[in-house]
Amino acid sequence: MKISPNNCSSCGGEFICEAKNSDNCWCIKLPAVMPMDSQQNCECPNCLSKSIAKRLQVYFSENKLSDVLQFAEKYKDKSIHEHIDYTIENGNYVFTEWYHLKRGECCDNGCRACPFVAD
C-alpha cells in the first residue's frame, strides 16, 4: 500500500502520517494530551511537538501536581522529543518541566524548569 504525504495543518509542510493505516504512527509515542477527532487535520512532527508542549503547560496549570505526576508516570521510560522534553538554547539541551515531571522527582541540580521547587 502506497502512503501519500499529508500537508501539515499548521505550517503546510509535507510529512507522512500513518495514523489511519497503522497503530504504529510516529505520533503515538508523544504524550496524549491533544484532543483528536475525525475532523482534525494532522500536524507535522515539529508543529505537533510544539502544540503538545503548549497544551502540556495548560494541563499543568489546570491540574494538581499529584495528578500531573500520575499522568506523566506512564511516559517515564519513553523517548524524549524536542519542544516537549527539551529545547536547545545556545547549543545546550534545556530540559522542560514535562521532562522533570516524567522523572518523578527532583535531581537537586537546580534546574530552571524544576516543578518540584519548594515555595
C-alpha atoms as a PDB file:
ATOM      1  CA  MET A   1       0.000   0.000   0.000  1.00  0.00           C
ATOM      2  CA  LYS A   2       1.413   3.369  -1.039  1.00  0.00           C
ATOM      3  CA  ILE A   3       1.339   6.041   1.650  1.00  0.00           C
ATOM      4  CA  SER A   4       0.896   9.524   0.284  1.00  0.00           C
ATOM      5  CA  PRO A   5       2.221  12.577   2.106  1.00  0.00           C
ATOM      6  CA  ASN A   6      -0.054  14.904   4.039  1.00  0.00           C
ATOM      7  CA  ASN A   7       0.297  18.627   4.445  1.00  0.00           C
ATOM      8  CA  CYS A   8       0.676  19.979   7.951  1.00  0.00           C
ATOM      9  CA  SER A   9      -2.372  21.978   9.010  1.00  0.00           C
ATOM     10  CA  SER A  10      -0.079  24.489  10.766  1.00  0.00           C
ATOM     11  CA  CYS A  11       2.973  25.079   8.542  1.00  0.00           C
ATOM     12  CA  GLY A  12       1.810  23.485   5.275  1.00  0.00           C
ATOM     13  CA  GLY A  13       4.893  21.271   5.015  1.00  0.00           C
ATOM     14  CA  GLU A  14       4.641  17.707   3.734  1.00  0.00           C
ATOM     15  CA  PHE A  15       5.002  14.742   6.077  1.00  0.00           C
ATOM     16  CA  ILE A  16       3.930  11.120   6.286  1.00  0.00           C
ATOM     17  CA  CYS A  17       1.043  10.280   8.609  1.00  0.00           C
ATOM     18  CA  GLU A  18       0.269   6.621   9.167  1.00  0.00           C
ATOM     19  CA  ALA A  19      -2.359   7.024  11.887  1.00  0.00           C
ATOM     20  CA  LYS A  20      -5.192   5.853   9.645  1.00  0.00           C
ATOM     21  CA  ASN A  21      -3.166   2.955   8.242  1.00  0.00           C
ATOM     22  CA  SER A  22      -1.411   1.676  11.336  1.00  0.00           C
ATOM     23  CA  ASP A  23      -1.334   1.615  15.117  1.00  0.00           C
ATOM     24  CA  ASN A  24       2.344   2.482  14.938  1.00  0.00           C
ATOM     25  CA  CYS A  25       2.444   6.059  13.659  1.00  0.00           C
ATOM     26  CA  TRP A  26       5.273   8.270  14.987  1.00  0.00           C
ATOM     27  CA  CYS A  27       2.731  10.446  16.827  1.00  0.00           C
ATOM     28  CA  ILE A  28       1.653   7.535  19.079  1.00  0.00           C
ATOM     29  CA  LYS A  29       4.916   7.994  21.017  1.00  0.00           C
ATOM     30  CA  LEU A  30       4.042  11.567  22.042  1.00  0.00           C
ATOM     31  CA  PRO A  31       2.111  12.480  25.212  1.00  0.00           C
ATOM     32  CA  ALA A  32      -1.627  12.046  24.600  1.00  0.00           C
ATOM     33  CA  VAL A  33      -2.807  15.478  25.710  1.00  0.00           C
ATOM     34  CA  MET A  34      -4.254  16.745  22.457  1.00  0.00           C
ATOM     35  CA  PRO A  35      -7.937  16.167  21.755  1.00  0.00           C
ATOM     36  CA  MET A  36      -8.282  14.387  18.422  1.00  0.00           C
ATOM     37  CA  ASP A  37     -11.381  13.887  16.331  1.00  0.00           C
ATOM     38  CA  SER A  38     -12.044  12.646  12.838  1.00  0.00           C
ATOM     39  CA  GLN A  39     -12.327  16.223  11.510  1.00  0.00           C
ATOM     40  CA  GLN A  40      -8.913  17.316  12.782  1.00  0.00           C
ATOM     41  CA  ASN A  41      -6.029  17.528  10.348  1.00  0.00           C
ATOM     42  CA  CYS A  42      -2.641  16.162  11.338  1.00  0.00           C
ATOM     43  CA  GLU A  43       0.400  18.285  12.023  1.00  0.00           C
ATOM     44  CA  CYS A  44       3.992  17.505  11.081  1.00  0.00           C
ATOM     45  CA  PRO A  45       6.287  16.222  13.857  1.00  0.00           C
ATOM     46  CA  ASN A  46       7.744  19.667  14.564  1.00  0.00           C
ATOM     47  CA  CYS A  47       4.404  21.505  14.731  1.00  0.00           C
ATOM     48  CA  LEU A  48       2.712  18.727  16.721  1.00  0.00           C
ATOM     49  CA  SER A  49       5.550  18.732  19.264  1.00  0.00           C
ATOM     50  CA  LYS A  50       5.145  22.497  19.708  1.00  0.00           C
ATOM     51  CA  SER A  51       1.339  22.131  20.032  1.00  0.00           C
ATOM     52  CA  ILE A  52       1.720  19.405  22.644  1.00  0.00           C
ATOM     53  CA  ALA A  53       4.249  21.477  24.603  1.00  0.00           C
ATOM     54  CA  LYS A  54       1.746  24.353  24.759  1.00  0.00           C
ATOM     55  CA  ARG A  55      -1.089  22.005  25.737  1.00  0.00           C
ATOM     56  CA  LEU A  56       1.056  20.496  28.494  1.00  0.00           C
ATOM     57  CA  GLN A  57       1.523  23.958  30.003  1.00  0.00           C
ATOM     58  CA  VAL A  58      -2.258  24.379  30.106  1.00  0.00           C
ATOM     59  CA  TYR A  59      -2.623  20.898  31.614  1.00  0.00           C
ATOM     60  CA  PHE A  60      -0.087  21.764  34.349  1.00  0.00           C
ATOM     61  CA  SER A  61      -1.954  24.948  35.251  1.00  0.00           C
ATOM     62  CA  GLU A  62      -5.345  23.203  35.407  1.00  0.00           C
ATOM     63  CA  ASN A  63      -4.358  20.158  37.487  1.00  0.00           C
ATOM     64  CA  LYS A  64      -2.807  19.330  40.835  1.00  0.00           C
ATOM     65  CA  LEU A  65       0.830  18.259  40.844  1.00  0.00           C
ATOM     66  CA  SER A  66      -0.143  14.785  42.101  1.00  0.00           C
ATOM     67  CA  ASP A  67      -2.481  14.296  39.112  1.00  0.00           C
ATOM     68  CA  VAL A  68       0.130  15.559  36.655  1.00  0.00           C
ATOM     69  CA  LEU A  69       2.732  13.208  38.155  1.00  0.00           C
ATOM     70  CA  GLN A  70       0.348  10.284  37.799  1.00  0.00           C
ATOM     71  CA  PHE A  71      -0.236  11.155  34.126  1.00  0.00           C
ATOM     72  CA  ALA A  72       3.496  11.669  33.483  1.00  0.00           C
ATOM     73  CA  GLU A  73       4.408   8.321  35.074  1.00  0.00           C
ATOM     74  CA  LYS A  74       3.322   6.355  32.010  1.00  0.00           C
ATOM     75  CA  TYR A  75       5.816   8.312  29.864  1.00  0.00           C
ATOM     76  CA  LYS A  76       8.745   7.883  32.278  1.00  0.00           C
ATOM     77  CA  ASP A  77      10.808   5.490  30.187  1.00  0.00           C
ATOM     78  CA  LYS A  78       9.728   6.798  26.786  1.00  0.00           C
ATOM     79  CA  SER A  79      11.926   8.595  24.294  1.00  0.00           C
ATOM     80  CA  ILE A  80      12.439  12.341  24.519  1.00  0.00           C
ATOM     81  CA  HIS A  81      11.239  14.861  21.935  1.00  0.00           C
ATOM     82  CA  GLU A  82      12.348  18.384  21.112  1.00  0.00           C
ATOM     83  CA  HIS A  83       9.921  21.089  22.299  1.00  0.00           C
ATOM     84  CA  ILE A  84       8.156  18.612  24.632  1.00  0.00           C
ATOM     85  CA  ASP A  85      11.036  17.283  26.749  1.00  0.00           C
ATOM     86  CA  TYR A  86      13.773  19.751  25.874  1.00  0.00           C
ATOM     87  CA  THR A  87      14.671  22.835  23.907  1.00  0.00           C
ATOM     88  CA  ILE A  88      18.056  23.767  22.526  1.00  0.00           C
ATOM     89  CA  GLU A  89      19.417  27.107  23.697  1.00  0.00           C
ATOM     90  CA  ASN A  90      22.858  28.293  22.590  1.00  0.00           C
ATOM     91  CA  GLY A  91      23.717  24.725  21.619  1.00  0.00           C
ATOM     92  CA  ASN A  92      22.716  23.330  25.016  1.00  0.00           C
ATOM     93  CA  TYR A  93      19.859  20.976  25.811  1.00  0.00           C
ATOM     94  CA  VAL A  94      17.487  22.547  28.341  1.00  0.00           C
ATOM     95  CA  PHE A  95      15.042  20.081  29.857  1.00  0.00           C
ATOM     96  CA  THR A  96      11.427  21.175  30.236  1.00  0.00           C
ATOM     97  CA  GLU A  97       9.060  20.913  33.152  1.00  0.00           C
ATOM     98  CA  TRP A  98       7.448  17.897  31.426  1.00  0.00           C
ATOM     99  CA  TYR A  99      10.786  16.072  31.302  1.00  0.00           C
ATOM    100  CA  HIS A 100      11.274  16.616  35.029  1.00  0.00           C
ATOM    101  CA  LEU A 101       7.718  15.508  35.779  1.00  0.00           C
ATOM    102  CA  LYS A 102       8.362  12.289  33.844  1.00  0.00           C
ATOM    103  CA  ARG A 103      11.398  11.686  36.072  1.00  0.00           C
ATOM    104  CA  GLY A 104       9.060  11.926  39.049  1.00  0.00           C
ATOM    105  CA  GLU A 105      11.442  13.580  41.466  1.00  0.00           C
ATOM    106  CA  CYS A 106      13.900  16.439  41.815  1.00  0.00           C
ATOM    107  CA  CYS A 107      17.511  15.710  40.824  1.00  0.00           C
ATOM    108  CA  ASP A 108      18.815  18.538  43.107  1.00  0.00           C
ATOM    109  CA  ASN A 109      20.759  20.179  40.276  1.00  0.00           C
ATOM    110  CA  GLY A 110      18.883  23.499  40.443  1.00  0.00           C
ATOM    111  CA  CYS A 111      17.211  23.044  37.055  1.00  0.00           C
ATOM    112  CA  ARG A 112      15.440  26.122  35.710  1.00  0.00           C
ATOM    113  CA  ALA A 113      12.238  24.217  34.867  1.00  0.00           C
ATOM    114  CA  CYS A 114      12.092  22.105  38.029  1.00  0.00           C
ATOM    115  CA  PRO A 115       8.434  21.649  39.057  1.00  0.00           C
ATOM    116  CA  PHE A 116       9.489  20.381  42.498  1.00  0.00           C
ATOM    117  CA  VAL A 117      10.964  23.659  43.765  1.00  0.00           C
ATOM    118  CA  ALA A 118       9.667  24.488  47.234  1.00  0.00           C
ATOM    119  CA  ASP A 119       7.795  27.780  47.625  1.00  0.00           C
END
